[in-house]
Amino acid sequence: MKNLNSRARALMVAVFVFVFNSILAQKNVGDAFQTANEQLKSTVNGALTTFQYICGLGALVGGCMLFYKYVNGDQDASKKTGQWIGGLVIFVVVLQMVKVFFFQQA
């Protein structure tokens, strides 16, 4: 009987230590998630700025190409203009969606 009591105590101590360690580990996980979230936001912010520069450069190049098509009287210029404007709209929408997804305040 005494042996059973000591085993039960040892089992209770082991369970207590396991539960206590799990609770402490959860606190550390929350801190790690917060740090990872801040690092991800700073990385995404830099990537968005780079993507905006690339989109602006693409818009300038596309605008110049369309200007030369209009000047030369190309029949395909109006269709290309619609595609160019559609591409710019998609770029703006994607940028706004990424900003809302990553930077929305909870």
PDB file of N, CA and C in Angstrom:
ATOM      1  N   MET A   1       0.811  -1.193   0.000  1.00  0.00           N
ATOM      2  CA  MET A   1       0.000   0.000   0.000  1.00  0.00           C
ATOM      3  C   MET A   1       0.858   1.261   0.000  1.00  0.00           C
ATOM      4  N   LYS A   2       1.918   1.244   0.772  1.00  0.00           N
ATOM      5  CA  LYS A   2       2.795   2.403   0.828  1.00  0.00           C
ATOM      6  C   LYS A   2       3.490   2.622  -0.517  1.00  0.00           C
ATOM      7  N   ASN A   3       3.834   1.524  -1.200  1.00  0.00           N
ATOM      8  CA  ASN A   3       4.470   1.600  -2.508  1.00  0.00           C
ATOM      9  C   ASN A   3       3.518   2.222  -3.530  1.00  0.00           C
ATOM     10  N   LEU A   4       2.238   1.860  -3.443  1.00  0.00           N
ATOM     11  CA  LEU A   4       1.236   2.415  -4.345  1.00  0.00           C
ATOM     12  C   LEU A   4       1.060   3.916  -4.097  1.00  0.00           C
ATOM     13  N   ASN A   5       1.074   4.327  -2.842  1.00  0.00           N
ATOM     14  CA  ASN A   5       0.950   5.737  -2.496  1.00  0.00           C
ATOM     15  C   ASN A   5       2.117   6.557  -3.041  1.00  0.00           C
ATOM     16  N   SER A   6       3.322   6.048  -2.939  1.00  0.00           N
ATOM     17  CA  SER A   6       4.483   6.779  -3.450  1.00  0.00           C
ATOM     18  C   SER A   6       4.459   6.850  -4.971  1.00  0.00           C
ATOM     19  N   ARG A   7       3.964   5.797  -5.608  1.00  0.00           N
ATOM     20  CA  ARG A   7       3.835   5.831  -7.079  1.00  0.00           C
ATOM     21  C   ARG A   7       2.785   6.864  -7.501  1.00  0.00           C
ATOM     22  N   ALA A   8       1.700   6.913  -6.776  1.00  0.00           N
ATOM     23  CA  ALA A   8       0.647   7.881  -7.093  1.00  0.00           C
ATOM     24  C   ALA A   8       1.164   9.306  -6.905  1.00  0.00           C
ATOM     25  N   ARG A   9       1.917   9.522  -5.845  1.00  0.00           N
ATOM     26  CA  ARG A   9       2.497  10.847  -5.627  1.00  0.00           C
ATOM     27  C   ARG A   9       3.478  11.208  -6.736  1.00  0.00           C
ATOM     28  N   ALA A  10       4.306  10.251  -7.103  1.00  0.00           N
ATOM     29  CA  ALA A  10       5.273  10.502  -8.175  1.00  0.00           C
ATOM     30  C   ALA A  10       4.555  10.813  -9.479  1.00  0.00           C
ATOM     31  N   LEU A  11       3.468  10.090  -9.756  1.00  0.00           N
ATOM     32  CA  LEU A  11       2.691  10.340 -10.970  1.00  0.00           C
ATOM     33  C   LEU A  11       2.045  11.726 -10.915  1.00  0.00           C
ATOM     34  N   MET A  12       1.509  12.113  -9.766  1.00  0.00           N
ATOM     35  CA  MET A  12       0.901  13.437  -9.637  1.00  0.00           C
ATOM     36  C   MET A  12       1.934  14.543  -9.801  1.00  0.00           C
ATOM     37  N   VAL A  13       3.116  14.342  -9.244  1.00  0.00           N
ATOM     38  CA  VAL A  13       4.176  15.341  -9.399  1.00  0.00           C
ATOM     39  C   VAL A  13       4.584  15.447 -10.861  1.00  0.00           C
ATOM     40  N   ALA A  14       4.698  14.309 -11.541  1.00  0.00           N
ATOM     41  CA  ALA A  14       5.081  14.320 -12.955  1.00  0.00           C
ATOM     42  C   ALA A  14       4.029  15.034 -13.797  1.00  0.00           C
ATOM     43  N   VAL A  15       2.755  14.761 -13.526  1.00  0.00           N
ATOM     44  CA  VAL A  15       1.675  15.423 -14.268  1.00  0.00           C
ATOM     45  C   VAL A  15       1.690  16.926 -13.983  1.00  0.00           C
ATOM     46  N   PHE A  16       1.888  17.304 -12.729  1.00  0.00           N
ATOM     47  CA  PHE A  16       1.943  18.721 -12.368  1.00  0.00           C
ATOM     48  C   PHE A  16       3.087  19.428 -13.089  1.00  0.00           C
ATOM     49  N   VAL A  17       4.260  18.800 -13.102  1.00  0.00           N
ATOM     50  CA  VAL A  17       5.416  19.402 -13.779  1.00  0.00           C
ATOM     51  C   VAL A  17       5.145  19.529 -15.274  1.00  0.00           C
ATOM     52  N   PHE A  18       4.539  18.510 -15.873  1.00  0.00           N
ATOM     53  CA  PHE A  18       4.238  18.549 -17.305  1.00  0.00           C
ATOM     54  C   PHE A  18       3.256  19.678 -17.626  1.00  0.00           C
ATOM     55  N   VAL A  19       2.193  19.790 -16.834  1.00  0.00           N
ATOM     56  CA  VAL A  19       1.191  20.831 -17.067  1.00  0.00           C
ATOM     57  C   VAL A  19       1.798  22.214 -16.841  1.00  0.00           C
ATOM     58  N   PHE A  20       2.577  22.369 -15.790  1.00  0.00           N
ATOM     59  CA  PHE A  20       3.201  23.653 -15.492  1.00  0.00           C
ATOM     60  C   PHE A  20       4.158  24.072 -16.605  1.00  0.00           C
ATOM     61  N   ASN A  21       4.952  23.134 -17.114  1.00  0.00           N
ATOM     62  CA  ASN A  21       5.861  23.436 -18.224  1.00  0.00           C
ATOM     63  C   ASN A  21       5.089  23.807 -19.481  1.00  0.00           C
ATOM     64  N   SER A  22       3.962  23.143 -19.715  1.00  0.00           N
ATOM     65  CA  SER A  22       3.141  23.469 -20.887  1.00  0.00           C
ATOM     66  C   SER A  22       2.584  24.882 -20.791  1.00  0.00           C
ATOM     67  N   ILE A  23       2.167  25.265 -19.591  1.00  0.00           N
ATOM     68  CA  ILE A  23       1.632  26.617 -19.405  1.00  0.00           C
ATOM     69  C   ILE A  23       2.723  27.661 -19.639  1.00  0.00           C
ATOM     70  N   LEU A  24       3.901  27.425 -19.111  1.00  0.00           N
ATOM     71  CA  LEU A  24       5.002  28.364 -19.322  1.00  0.00           C
ATOM     72  C   LEU A  24       5.422  28.414 -20.784  1.00  0.00           C
ATOM     73  N   ALA A  25       5.374  27.272 -21.459  1.00  0.00           N
ATOM     74  CA  ALA A  25       5.758  27.243 -22.871  1.00  0.00           C
ATOM     75  C   ALA A  25       4.782  28.057 -23.709  1.00  0.00           C
ATOM     76  N   GLN A  26       3.506  28.055 -23.359  1.00  0.00           N
ATOM     77  CA  GLN A  26       2.524  28.823 -24.110  1.00  0.00           C
ATOM     78  C   GLN A  26       2.802  30.316 -24.014  1.00  0.00           C
ATOM     79  N   LYS A  27       3.275  30.772 -22.877  1.00  0.00           N
ATOM     80  CA  LYS A  27       3.625  32.186 -22.732  1.00  0.00           C
ATOM     81  C   LYS A  27       4.762  32.548 -23.675  1.00  0.00           C
ATOM     82  N   ASN A  28       5.755  31.693 -23.773  1.00  0.00           N
ATOM     83  CA  ASN A  28       6.885  31.948 -24.661  1.00  0.00           C
ATOM     84  C   ASN A  28       6.472  31.891 -26.127  1.00  0.00           C
ATOM     85  N   VAL A  29       5.513  31.028 -26.455  1.00  0.00           N
ATOM     86  CA  VAL A  29       5.037  30.939 -27.837  1.00  0.00           C
ATOM     87  C   VAL A  29       4.347  32.238 -28.235  1.00  0.00           C
ATOM     88  N   GLY A  30       3.592  32.822 -27.327  1.00  0.00           N
ATOM     89  CA  GLY A  30       2.934  34.098 -27.624  1.00  0.00           C
ATOM     90  C   GLY A  30       3.941  35.192 -27.927  1.00  0.00           C
ATOM     91  N   ASP A  31       5.018  35.241 -27.167  1.00  0.00           N
ATOM     92  CA  ASP A  31       6.072  36.226 -27.427  1.00  0.00           C
ATOM     93  C   ASP A  31       6.736  35.970 -28.771  1.00  0.00           C
ATOM     94  N   ALA A  32       6.945  34.700 -29.093  1.00  0.00           N
ATOM     95  CA  ALA A  32       7.574  34.354 -30.372  1.00  0.00           C
ATOM     96  C   ALA A  32       6.673  34.737 -31.541  1.00  0.00           C
ATOM     97  N   PHE A  33       5.359  34.514 -31.401  1.00  0.00           N
ATOM     98  CA  PHE A  33       4.428  34.901 -32.460  1.00  0.00           C
ATOM     99  C   PHE A  33       4.418  36.415 -32.653  1.00  0.00           C
ATOM    100  N   GLN A  34       4.478  37.159 -31.572  1.00  0.00           N
ATOM    101  CA  GLN A  34       4.496  38.620 -31.669  1.00  0.00           C
ATOM    102  C   GLN A  34       5.745  39.100 -32.398  1.00  0.00           C
ATOM    103  N   THR A  35       6.898  38.518 -32.065  1.00  0.00           N
ATOM    104  CA  THR A  35       8.151  38.891 -32.725  1.00  0.00           C
ATOM    105  C   THR A  35       8.109  38.542 -34.206  1.00  0.00           C
ATOM    106  N   ALA A  36       7.610  37.341 -34.517  1.00  0.00           N
ATOM    107  CA  ALA A  36       7.518  36.926 -35.922  1.00  0.00           C
ATOM    108  C   ALA A  36       6.563  37.826 -36.693  1.00  0.00           C
ATOM    109  N   ASN A  37       5.473  38.229 -36.070  1.00  0.00           N
ATOM    110  CA  ASN A  37       4.505  39.111 -36.711  1.00  0.00           C
ATOM    111  C   ASN A  37       5.129  40.460 -37.039  1.00  0.00           C
ATOM    112  N   GLU A  38       5.896  41.019 -36.115  1.00  0.00           N
ATOM    113  CA  GLU A  38       6.551  42.306 -36.359  1.00  0.00           C
ATOM    114  C   GLU A  38       7.585  42.202 -37.472  1.00  0.00           C
ATOM    115  N   GLN A  39       8.352  41.116 -37.490  1.00  0.00           N
ATOM    116  CA  GLN A  39       9.355  40.938 -38.542  1.00  0.00           C
ATOM    117  C   GLN A  39       8.691  40.760 -39.900  1.00  0.00           C
ATOM    118  N   LEU A  40       7.577  40.018 -39.938  1.00  0.00           N
ATOM    119  CA  LEU A  40       6.874  39.806 -41.196  1.00  0.00           C
ATOM    120  C   LEU A  40       6.306  41.113 -41.724  1.00  0.00           C
ATOM    121  N   LYS A  41       5.754  41.935 -40.838  1.00  0.00           N
ATOM    122  CA  LYS A  41       5.205  43.217 -41.279  1.00  0.00           C
ATOM    123  C   LYS A  41       6.285  44.127 -41.847  1.00  0.00           C
ATOM    124  N   SER A  42       7.463  44.139 -41.236  1.00  0.00           N
ATOM    125  CA  SER A  42       8.533  44.988 -41.765  1.00  0.00           C
ATOM    126  C   SER A  42       9.023  44.466 -43.111  1.00  0.00           C
ATOM    127  N   THR A  43       9.069  43.151 -43.278  1.00  0.00           N
ATOM    128  CA  THR A  43       9.489  42.571 -44.554  1.00  0.00           C
ATOM    129  C   THR A  43       8.455  42.839 -45.636  1.00  0.00           C
ATOM    130  N   VAL A  44       7.185  42.669 -45.300  1.00  0.00           N
ATOM    131  CA  VAL A  44       6.117  42.893 -46.278  1.00  0.00           C
ATOM    132  C   VAL A  44       6.070  44.358 -46.676  1.00  0.00           C
ATOM    133  N   ASN A  45       6.313  45.258 -45.750  1.00  0.00           N
ATOM    134  CA  ASN A  45       6.303  46.687 -46.064  1.00  0.00           C
ATOM    135  C   ASN A  45       7.380  47.020 -47.093  1.00  0.00           C
ATOM    136  N   GLY A  46       8.580  46.478 -46.921  1.00  0.00           N
ATOM    137  CA  GLY A  46       9.648  46.689 -47.900  1.00  0.00           C
ATOM    138  C   GLY A  46       9.324  46.074 -49.247  1.00  0.00           C
ATOM    139  N   ALA A  47       8.725  44.893 -49.228  1.00  0.00           N
ATOM    140  CA  ALA A  47       8.355  44.226 -50.477  1.00  0.00           C
ATOM    141  C   ALA A  47       7.268  45.010 -51.209  1.00  0.00           C
ATOM    142  N   LEU A  48       6.317  45.564 -50.470  1.00  0.00           N
ATOM    143  CA  LEU A  48       5.264  46.359 -51.103  1.00  0.00           C
ATOM    144  C   LEU A  48       5.825  47.622 -51.741  1.00  0.00           C
ATOM    145  N   THR A  49       6.757  48.258 -51.081  1.00  0.00           N
ATOM    146  CA  THR A  49       7.381  49.454 -51.648  1.00  0.00           C
ATOM    147  C   THR A  49       8.126  49.108 -52.929  1.00  0.00           C
ATOM    148  N   THR A  50       8.863  48.010 -52.917  1.00  0.00           N
ATOM    149  CA  THR A  50       9.570  47.565 -54.120  1.00  0.00           C
ATOM    150  C   THR A  50       8.583  47.250 -55.237  1.00  0.00           C
ATOM    151  N   PHE A  51       7.478  46.568 -54.902  1.00  0.00           N
ATOM    152  CA  PHE A  51       6.468  46.229 -55.903  1.00  0.00           C
ATOM    153  C   PHE A  51       5.831  47.489 -56.476  1.00  0.00           C
ATOM    154  N   GLN A  52       5.630  48.513 -55.654  1.00  0.00           N
ATOM    155  CA  GLN A  52       5.076  49.772 -56.154  1.00  0.00           C
ATOM    156  C   GLN A  52       6.028  50.434 -57.147  1.00  0.00           C
ATOM    157  N   TYR A  53       7.329  50.408 -56.855  1.00  0.00           N
ATOM    158  CA  TYR A  53       8.305  50.973 -57.795  1.00  0.00           C
ATOM    159  C   TYR A  53       8.304  50.205 -59.113  1.00  0.00           C
ATOM    160  N   ILE A  54       8.245  48.889 -59.034  1.00  0.00           N
ATOM    161  CA  ILE A  54       8.232  48.070 -60.254  1.00  0.00           C
ATOM    162  C   ILE A  54       6.974  48.350 -61.063  1.00  0.00           C
ATOM    163  N   CYS A  55       5.828  48.479 -60.395  1.00  0.00           N
ATOM    164  CA  CYS A  55       4.578  48.789 -61.096  1.00  0.00           C
ATOM    165  C   CYS A  55       4.629  50.171 -61.739  1.00  0.00           C
ATOM    166  N   GLY A  56       5.214  51.130 -61.044  1.00  0.00           N
ATOM    167  CA  GLY A  56       5.349  52.470 -61.620  1.00  0.00           C
ATOM    168  C   GLY A  56       6.234  52.470 -62.848  1.00  0.00           C
ATOM    169  N   LEU A  57       7.325  51.729 -62.786  1.00  0.00           N
ATOM    170  CA  LEU A  57       8.214  51.622 -63.943  1.00  0.00           C
ATOM    171  C   LEU A  57       7.508  50.934 -65.109  1.00  0.00           C
ATOM    172  N   GLY A  58       6.760  49.878 -64.800  1.00  0.00           N
ATOM    173  CA  GLY A  58       5.995  49.193 -65.849  1.00  0.00           C
ATOM    174  C   GLY A  58       4.936  50.091 -66.462  1.00  0.00           C
ATOM    175  N   ALA A  59       4.314  50.926 -65.640  1.00  0.00           N
ATOM    176  CA  ALA A  59       3.311  51.859 -66.153  1.00  0.00           C
ATOM    177  C   ALA A  59       3.942  52.887 -67.083  1.00  0.00           C
ATOM    178  N   LEU A  60       5.120  53.397 -66.719  1.00  0.00           N
ATOM    179  CA  LEU A  60       5.807  54.362 -67.591  1.00  0.00           C
ATOM    180  C   LEU A  60       6.210  53.731 -68.917  1.00  0.00           C
ATOM    181  N   VAL A  61       6.778  52.540 -68.864  1.00  0.00           N
ATOM    182  CA  VAL A  61       7.198  51.861 -70.100  1.00  0.00           C
ATOM    183  C   VAL A  61       5.984  51.554 -70.964  1.00  0.00           C
ATOM    184  N   GLY A  62       4.911  51.052 -70.331  1.00  0.00           N
ATOM    185  CA  GLY A  62       3.696  50.760 -71.093  1.00  0.00           C
ATOM    186  C   GLY A  62       3.085  52.010 -71.698  1.00  0.00           C
ATOM    187  N   GLY A  63       3.099  53.107 -70.950  1.00  0.00           N
ATOM    188  CA  GLY A  63       2.575  54.364 -71.480  1.00  0.00           C
ATOM    189  C   GLY A  63       3.378  54.864 -72.666  1.00  0.00           C
ATOM    190  N   CYS A  64       4.702  54.747 -72.598  1.00  0.00           N
ATOM    191  CA  CYS A  64       5.547  55.151 -73.733  1.00  0.00           C
ATOM    192  C   CYS A  64       5.283  54.279 -74.952  1.00  0.00           C
ATOM    193  N   MET A  65       5.137  52.977 -74.729  1.00  0.00           N
ATOM    194  CA  MET A  65       4.863  52.078 -75.856  1.00  0.00           C
ATOM    195  C   MET A  65       3.522  52.414 -76.502  1.00  0.00           C
ATOM    196  N   LEU A  66       2.511  52.732 -75.688  1.00  0.00           N
ATOM    197  CA  LEU A  66       1.211  53.104 -76.235  1.00  0.00           C
ATOM    198  C   LEU A  66       1.277  54.428 -76.985  1.00  0.00           C
ATOM    199  N   PHE A  67       2.047  55.376 -76.478  1.00  0.00           N
ATOM    200  CA  PHE A  67       2.208  56.649 -77.168  1.00  0.00           C
ATOM    201  C   PHE A  67       2.792  56.431 -78.563  1.00  0.00           C
ATOM    202  N   TYR A  68       3.816  55.607 -78.658  1.00  0.00           N
ATOM    203  CA  TYR A  68       4.421  55.335 -79.966  1.00  0.00           C
ATOM    204  C   TYR A  68       3.462  54.593 -80.882  1.00  0.00           C
ATOM    205  N   LYS A  69       2.606  53.732 -80.341  1.00  0.00           N
ATOM    206  CA  LYS A  69       1.615  53.050 -81.175  1.00  0.00           C
ATOM    207  C   LYS A  69       0.614  54.062 -81.742  1.00  0.00           C
ATOM    208  N   TYR A  70       0.152  54.985 -80.882  1.00  0.00           N
ATOM    209  CA  TYR A  70      -0.786  55.997 -81.355  1.00  0.00           C
ATOM    210  C   TYR A  70      -0.147  56.907 -82.394  1.00  0.00           C
ATOM    211  N   VAL A  71       1.090  57.302 -82.167  1.00  0.00           N
ATOM    212  CA  VAL A  71       1.778  58.195 -83.099  1.00  0.00           C
ATOM    213  C   VAL A  71       1.949  57.524 -84.455  1.00  0.00           C
ATOM    214  N   ASN A  72       2.263  56.238 -84.457  1.00  0.00           N
ATOM    215  CA  ASN A  72       2.479  55.511 -85.712  1.00  0.00           C
ATOM    216  C   ASN A  72       1.178  55.054 -86.354  1.00  0.00           C
ATOM    217  N   GLY A  73       0.036  55.282 -85.713  1.00  0.00           N
ATOM    218  CA  GLY A  73      -1.247  54.920 -86.303  1.00  0.00           C
ATOM    219  C   GLY A  73      -1.530  53.431 -86.266  1.00  0.00           C
ATOM    220  N   ASP A  74      -1.037  52.741 -85.285  1.00  0.00           N
ATOM    221  CA  ASP A  74      -1.254  51.295 -85.171  1.00  0.00           C
ATOM    222  C   ASP A  74      -2.732  51.022 -84.871  1.00  0.00           C
ATOM    223  N   GLN A  75      -3.320  50.045 -85.568  1.00  0.00           N
ATOM    224  CA  GLN A  75      -4.728  49.705 -85.380  1.00  0.00           C
ATOM    225  C   GLN A  75      -4.982  49.012 -84.033  1.00  0.00           C
ATOM    226  N   ASP A  76      -3.945  48.439 -83.470  1.00  0.00           N
ATOM    227  CA  ASP A  76      -4.061  47.659 -82.244  1.00  0.00           C
ATOM    228  C   ASP A  76      -3.921  48.524 -80.987  1.00  0.00           C
ATOM    229  N   ALA A  77      -3.769  49.822 -81.146  1.00  0.00           N
ATOM    230  CA  ALA A  77      -3.455  50.695 -80.011  1.00  0.00           C
ATOM    231  C   ALA A  77      -4.598  50.764 -79.002  1.00  0.00           C
ATOM    232  N   SER A  78      -5.838  50.805 -79.449  1.00  0.00           N
ATOM    233  CA  SER A  78      -6.955  50.928 -78.502  1.00  0.00           C
ATOM    234  C   SER A  78      -7.107  49.660 -77.656  1.00  0.00           C
ATOM    235  N   LYS A  79      -6.883  48.500 -78.260  1.00  0.00           N
ATOM    236  CA  LYS A  79      -6.956  47.254 -77.497  1.00  0.00           C
ATOM    237  C   LYS A  79      -5.826  47.178 -76.476  1.00  0.00           C
ATOM    238  N   LYS A  80      -4.648  47.588 -76.874  1.00  0.00           N
ATOM    239  CA  LYS A  80      -3.503  47.580 -75.959  1.00  0.00           C
ATOM    240  C   LYS A  80      -3.700  48.585 -74.819  1.00  0.00           C
ATOM    241  N   THR A  81      -4.374  49.695 -75.100  1.00  0.00           N
ATOM    242  CA  THR A  81      -4.649  50.677 -74.054  1.00  0.00           C
ATOM    243  C   THR A  81      -5.554  50.077 -72.981  1.00  0.00           C
ATOM    244  N   GLY A  82      -6.575  49.366 -73.410  1.00  0.00           N
ATOM    245  CA  GLY A  82      -7.464  48.701 -72.453  1.00  0.00           C
ATOM    246  C   GLY A  82      -6.733  47.670 -71.608  1.00  0.00           C
ATOM    247  N   GLN A  83      -5.848  46.919 -72.240  1.00  0.00           N
ATOM    248  CA  GLN A  83      -5.068  45.928 -71.495  1.00  0.00           C
ATOM    249  C   GLN A  83      -4.127  46.606 -70.503  1.00  0.00           C
ATOM    250  N   TRP A  84      -3.529  47.698 -70.919  1.00  0.00           N
ATOM    251  CA  TRP A  84      -2.594  48.424 -70.054  1.00  0.00           C
ATOM    252  C   TRP A  84      -3.323  48.989 -68.832  1.00  0.00           C
ATOM    253  N   ILE A  85      -4.489  49.607 -69.053  1.00  0.00           N
ATOM    254  CA  ILE A  85      -5.267  50.159 -67.945  1.00  0.00           C
ATOM    255  C   ILE A  85      -5.753  49.038 -67.026  1.00  0.00           C
ATOM    256  N   GLY A  86      -6.185  47.923 -67.604  1.00  0.00           N
ATOM    257  CA  GLY A  86      -6.610  46.779 -66.790  1.00  0.00           C
ATOM    258  C   GLY A  86      -5.484  46.240 -65.928  1.00  0.00           C
ATOM    259  N   GLY A  87      -4.291  46.187 -66.486  1.00  0.00           N
ATOM    260  CA  GLY A  87      -3.132  45.734 -65.716  1.00  0.00           C
ATOM    261  C   GLY A  87      -2.817  46.664 -64.563  1.00  0.00           C
ATOM    262  N   LEU A  88      -2.924  47.971 -64.805  1.00  0.00           N
ATOM    263  CA  LEU A  88      -2.685  48.939 -63.729  1.00  0.00           C
ATOM    264  C   LEU A  88      -3.726  48.805 -62.618  1.00  0.00           C
ATOM    265  N   VAL A  89      -4.975  48.591 -63.004  1.00  0.00           N
ATOM    266  CA  VAL A  89      -6.030  48.416 -62.001  1.00  0.00           C
ATOM    267  C   VAL A  89      -5.763  47.168 -61.159  1.00  0.00           C
ATOM    268  N   ILE A  90      -5.344  46.083 -61.807  1.00  0.00           N
ATOM    269  CA  ILE A  90      -5.038  44.852 -61.073  1.00  0.00           C
ATOM    270  C   ILE A  90      -3.881  45.077 -60.112  1.00  0.00           C
ATOM    271  N   PHE A  91      -2.852  45.793 -60.536  1.00  0.00           N
ATOM    272  CA  PHE A  91      -1.727  46.075 -59.641  1.00  0.00           C
ATOM    273  C   PHE A  91      -2.189  46.850 -58.406  1.00  0.00           C
ATOM    274  N   VAL A  92      -3.020  47.860 -58.612  1.00  0.00           N
ATOM    275  CA  VAL A  92      -3.500  48.670 -57.491  1.00  0.00           C
ATOM    276  C   VAL A  92      -4.360  47.830 -56.545  1.00  0.00           C
ATOM    277  N   VAL A  93      -5.232  46.998 -57.099  1.00  0.00           N
ATOM    278  CA  VAL A  93      -6.098  46.158 -56.265  1.00  0.00           C
ATOM    279  C   VAL A  93      -5.274  45.160 -55.459  1.00  0.00           C
ATOM    280  N   VAL A  94      -4.285  44.530 -56.094  1.00  0.00           N
ATOM    281  CA  VAL A  94      -3.442  43.562 -55.383  1.00  0.00           C
ATOM    282  C   VAL A  94      -2.670  44.247 -54.260  1.00  0.00           C
ATOM    283  N   LEU A  95      -2.121  45.411 -54.523  1.00  0.00           N
ATOM    284  CA  LEU A  95      -1.398  46.138 -53.476  1.00  0.00           C
ATOM    285  C   LEU A  95      -2.307  46.468 -52.294  1.00  0.00           C
ATOM    286  N   GLN A  96      -3.519  46.913 -52.579  1.00  0.00           N
ATOM    287  CA  GLN A  96      -4.437  47.255 -51.493  1.00  0.00           C
ATOM    288  C   GLN A  96      -4.863  46.016 -50.710  1.00  0.00           C
ATOM    289  N   MET A  97      -5.073  44.899 -51.403  1.00  0.00           N
ATOM    290  CA  MET A  97      -5.455  43.668 -50.711  1.00  0.00           C
ATOM    291  C   MET A  97      -4.340  43.181 -49.798  1.00  0.00           C
ATOM    292  N   VAL A  98      -3.103  43.259 -50.252  1.00  0.00           N
ATOM    293  CA  VAL A  98      -1.981  42.827 -49.419  1.00  0.00           C
ATOM    294  C   VAL A  98      -1.834  43.748 -48.213  1.00  0.00           C
ATOM    295  N   LYS A  99      -2.011  45.044 -48.414  1.00  0.00           N
ATOM    296  CA  LYS A  99      -1.927  45.981 -47.283  1.00  0.00           C
ATOM    297  C   LYS A  99      -3.009  45.690 -46.249  1.00  0.00           C
ATOM    298  N   VAL A 100      -4.224  45.441 -46.700  1.00  0.00           N
ATOM    299  CA  VAL A 100      -5.315  45.147 -45.770  1.00  0.00           C
ATOM    300  C   VAL A 100      -5.058  43.825 -45.056  1.00  0.00           C
ATOM    301  N   PHE A 101      -4.551  42.841 -45.777  1.00  0.00           N
ATOM    302  CA  PHE A 101      -4.321  41.520 -45.187  1.00  0.00           C
ATOM    303  C   PHE A 101      -3.247  41.563 -44.118  1.00  0.00           C
ATOM    304  N   PHE A 102      -2.153  42.263 -44.366  1.00  0.00           N
ATOM    305  CA  PHE A 102      -1.035  42.248 -43.434  1.00  0.00           C
ATOM    306  C   PHE A 102      -1.083  43.361 -42.395  1.00  0.00           C
ATOM    307  N   PHE A 103      -1.728  44.475 -42.696  1.00  0.00           N
ATOM    308  CA  PHE A 103      -1.653  45.627 -41.811  1.00  0.00           C
ATOM    309  C   PHE A 103      -2.983  46.012 -41.189  1.00  0.00           C
ATOM    310  N   GLN A 104      -3.977  45.144 -41.258  1.00  0.00           N
ATOM    311  CA  GLN A 104      -5.265  45.436 -40.650  1.00  0.00           C
ATOM    312  C   GLN A 104      -5.126  45.374 -39.133  1.00  0.00           C
ATOM    313  N   GLN A 105      -5.648  46.391 -38.467  1.00  0.00           N
ATOM    314  CA  GLN A 105      -5.567  46.445 -37.007  1.00  0.00           C
ATOM    315  C   GLN A 105      -6.609  45.516 -36.402  1.00  0.00           C
ATOM    316  N   ALA A 106      -6.183  44.707 -35.458  1.00  0.00           N
ATOM    317  CA  ALA A 106      -7.106  43.753 -34.821  1.00  0.00           C
ATOM    318  C   ALA A 106      -7.805  44.396 -33.644  1.00  0.00           C
TER     319      ALA A 106
END
